[in-house]
Amino acid sequence: MSEVQELTPYEAVQVLLDGALEYTSAAIVAQQGNDPAGRGEAVDTTLTIIGLLQDSLDRESGGELAQNLDALYDYMTRRLAHVAIDKTTGTLDEVQSLVVQIRDAWAQIDPAKEPTIL
C-alpha cells in the first residue's frame, strides 16, 4: 500500500488502468472456465478500480474530458453489472477494450504535465 502512496497521480492512474486490465482478463478466463465465483471476484475488483478512477476525476477543472470519462466509467460499471447473466465473454471483452483505449490514450499524456482531469 505504501508504494501506491508514493506514486504521482498520473502514475496512480496508470497502475489502476493496468489493474483493471488484469482483472478483466481474469474475469474472462474465469468465464471461459465456467468459474462464476472467480468471475465474480474479478468483476468486483474491476468495479472497485473503475470506481476509484471515477472518483479521482476533477469534474470542475477537467471540463468535457472529465465529463466524458465519468460517463464512460459509468457505462462500464453498468455493463459489468450484466456480466452474471451474460454466458459469453462479450460484455467483459467490451469493457476490456474500453479500458485498453483509455490506457493507451493515457500513455500519450506527458507525465510532466499533470492532467487537469485529476
Protein backbone atom coordinates (compact mmCIF):
# COMPACT_ATOMS: atom_id res chain seq x y z
CA MET A 1 0.00 0.00 0.00
CA SER A 2 2.84 2.42 0.73
CA GLU A 3 4.06 2.02 -2.85
CA VAL A 4 0.81 3.47 -4.19
CA GLN A 5 1.11 6.46 -1.86
CA GLU A 6 4.48 7.31 -3.39
CA LEU A 7 3.10 7.47 -6.92
CA THR A 8 2.21 10.68 -8.68
CA PRO A 9 -1.47 10.99 -9.59
CA TYR A 10 -0.50 10.26 -13.21
CA GLU A 11 1.30 7.06 -12.21
CA ALA A 12 -1.53 6.01 -9.91
CA VAL A 13 -3.98 6.19 -12.81
CA GLN A 14 -1.60 4.06 -14.89
CA VAL A 15 -1.47 1.44 -12.13
CA LEU A 16 -5.25 1.45 -11.77
CA LEU A 17 -5.79 1.06 -15.51
CA ASP A 18 -3.30 -1.82 -15.63
CA GLY A 19 -5.12 -3.40 -12.69
CA ALA A 20 -8.47 -3.07 -14.44
CA LEU A 21 -6.99 -4.88 -17.44
CA GLU A 22 -5.52 -7.59 -15.25
CA TYR A 23 -8.84 -8.23 -13.52
CA THR A 24 -10.96 -8.11 -16.67
CA SER A 25 -8.58 -10.70 -18.12
CA ALA A 26 -9.03 -12.83 -15.01
CA ALA A 27 -12.80 -12.49 -15.33
CA ILE A 28 -12.65 -13.57 -18.98
CA VAL A 29 -10.58 -16.64 -18.09
CA ALA A 30 -12.99 -17.48 -15.27
CA GLN A 31 -15.99 -17.05 -17.58
CA GLN A 32 -14.40 -19.33 -20.16
CA GLY A 33 -13.63 -21.87 -17.43
CA ASN A 34 -17.19 -21.81 -16.09
CA ASP A 35 -15.97 -20.41 -12.76
CA PRO A 36 -18.69 -17.99 -11.60
CA ALA A 37 -17.03 -17.39 -8.22
CA GLY A 38 -13.71 -16.45 -9.82
CA ARG A 39 -15.51 -14.30 -12.37
CA GLY A 40 -17.43 -12.57 -9.60
CA GLU A 41 -14.30 -11.78 -7.61
CA ALA A 42 -12.51 -10.42 -10.67
CA VAL A 43 -15.52 -8.33 -11.71
CA ASP A 44 -15.89 -6.96 -8.17
CA THR A 45 -12.25 -5.88 -8.17
CA THR A 46 -12.64 -4.32 -11.62
CA LEU A 47 -15.68 -2.41 -10.37
CA THR A 48 -13.69 -1.14 -7.39
CA ILE A 49 -10.89 0.04 -9.66
CA ILE A 50 -13.29 1.78 -12.04
CA GLY A 51 -14.90 3.45 -9.03
CA LEU A 52 -11.51 4.73 -7.88
CA LEU A 53 -10.76 6.07 -11.34
CA GLN A 54 -14.16 7.75 -11.48
CA ASP A 55 -13.78 9.23 -8.01
CA SER A 56 -10.39 10.68 -8.94
CA LEU A 57 -11.84 12.84 -11.72
CA ASP A 58 -11.77 16.59 -11.20
CA ARG A 59 -15.11 17.42 -12.73
CA GLU A 60 -14.66 21.17 -12.24
CA SER A 61 -11.21 21.62 -13.81
CA GLY A 62 -11.34 18.62 -16.13
CA GLY A 63 -14.05 20.04 -18.36
CA GLU A 64 -15.50 17.98 -21.15
CA LEU A 65 -12.81 15.30 -20.95
CA ALA A 66 -13.56 14.59 -17.30
CA GLN A 67 -17.29 14.54 -18.06
CA ASN A 68 -16.75 12.09 -20.91
CA LEU A 69 -14.59 9.83 -18.78
CA ASP A 70 -17.17 9.98 -15.99
CA ALA A 71 -19.88 8.85 -18.42
CA LEU A 72 -17.63 6.12 -19.81
CA TYR A 73 -16.77 4.80 -16.34
CA ASP A 74 -20.49 4.83 -15.52
CA TYR A 75 -21.22 2.88 -18.71
CA MET A 76 -18.53 0.29 -17.90
CA THR A 77 -19.95 -0.12 -14.40
CA ARG A 78 -23.42 -0.76 -15.79
CA ARG A 79 -22.05 -3.23 -18.34
CA LEU A 80 -20.14 -5.13 -15.66
CA ALA A 81 -23.35 -5.41 -13.65
CA HIS A 82 -24.71 -7.57 -16.50
CA VAL A 83 -21.80 -10.00 -16.62
CA ALA A 84 -23.54 -12.51 -14.37
CA ILE A 85 -26.34 -13.00 -16.91
CA ASP A 86 -24.07 -12.98 -19.96
CA LYS A 87 -22.90 -16.54 -20.60
CA THR A 88 -20.31 -15.34 -23.12
CA THR A 89 -17.26 -13.14 -22.65
CA GLY A 90 -18.77 -10.42 -24.86
CA THR A 91 -19.50 -7.90 -22.12
CA LEU A 92 -16.11 -8.45 -20.49
CA ASP A 93 -14.39 -8.14 -23.87
CA GLU A 94 -16.20 -4.84 -24.46
CA VAL A 95 -15.19 -3.40 -21.08
CA GLN A 96 -11.63 -4.60 -21.50
CA SER A 97 -11.45 -2.94 -24.92
CA LEU A 98 -12.63 0.35 -23.44
CA VAL A 99 -10.02 0.15 -20.67
CA VAL A 100 -7.31 -0.53 -23.27
CA GLN A 101 -8.39 2.56 -25.21
CA ILE A 102 -8.29 4.71 -22.07
CA ARG A 103 -4.92 3.29 -21.02
CA ASP A 104 -3.43 3.83 -24.47
CA ALA A 105 -4.69 7.42 -24.54
CA TRP A 106 -3.39 7.99 -21.00
CA ALA A 107 0.06 6.78 -22.07
CA GLN A 108 0.16 9.58 -24.66
CA ILE A 109 -0.08 12.26 -21.96
CA ASP A 110 3.16 13.92 -20.92
CA PRO A 111 3.59 12.86 -17.27
CA ALA A 112 5.49 16.08 -16.57
CA LYS A 113 2.25 17.97 -17.14
CA GLU A 114 -0.32 16.85 -14.59
CA PRO A 115 -3.59 16.30 -16.45
CA THR A 116 -6.35 18.65 -15.36
CA ILE A 117 -8.84 15.79 -15.19
CA LEU A 118 -7.38 14.64 -11.86
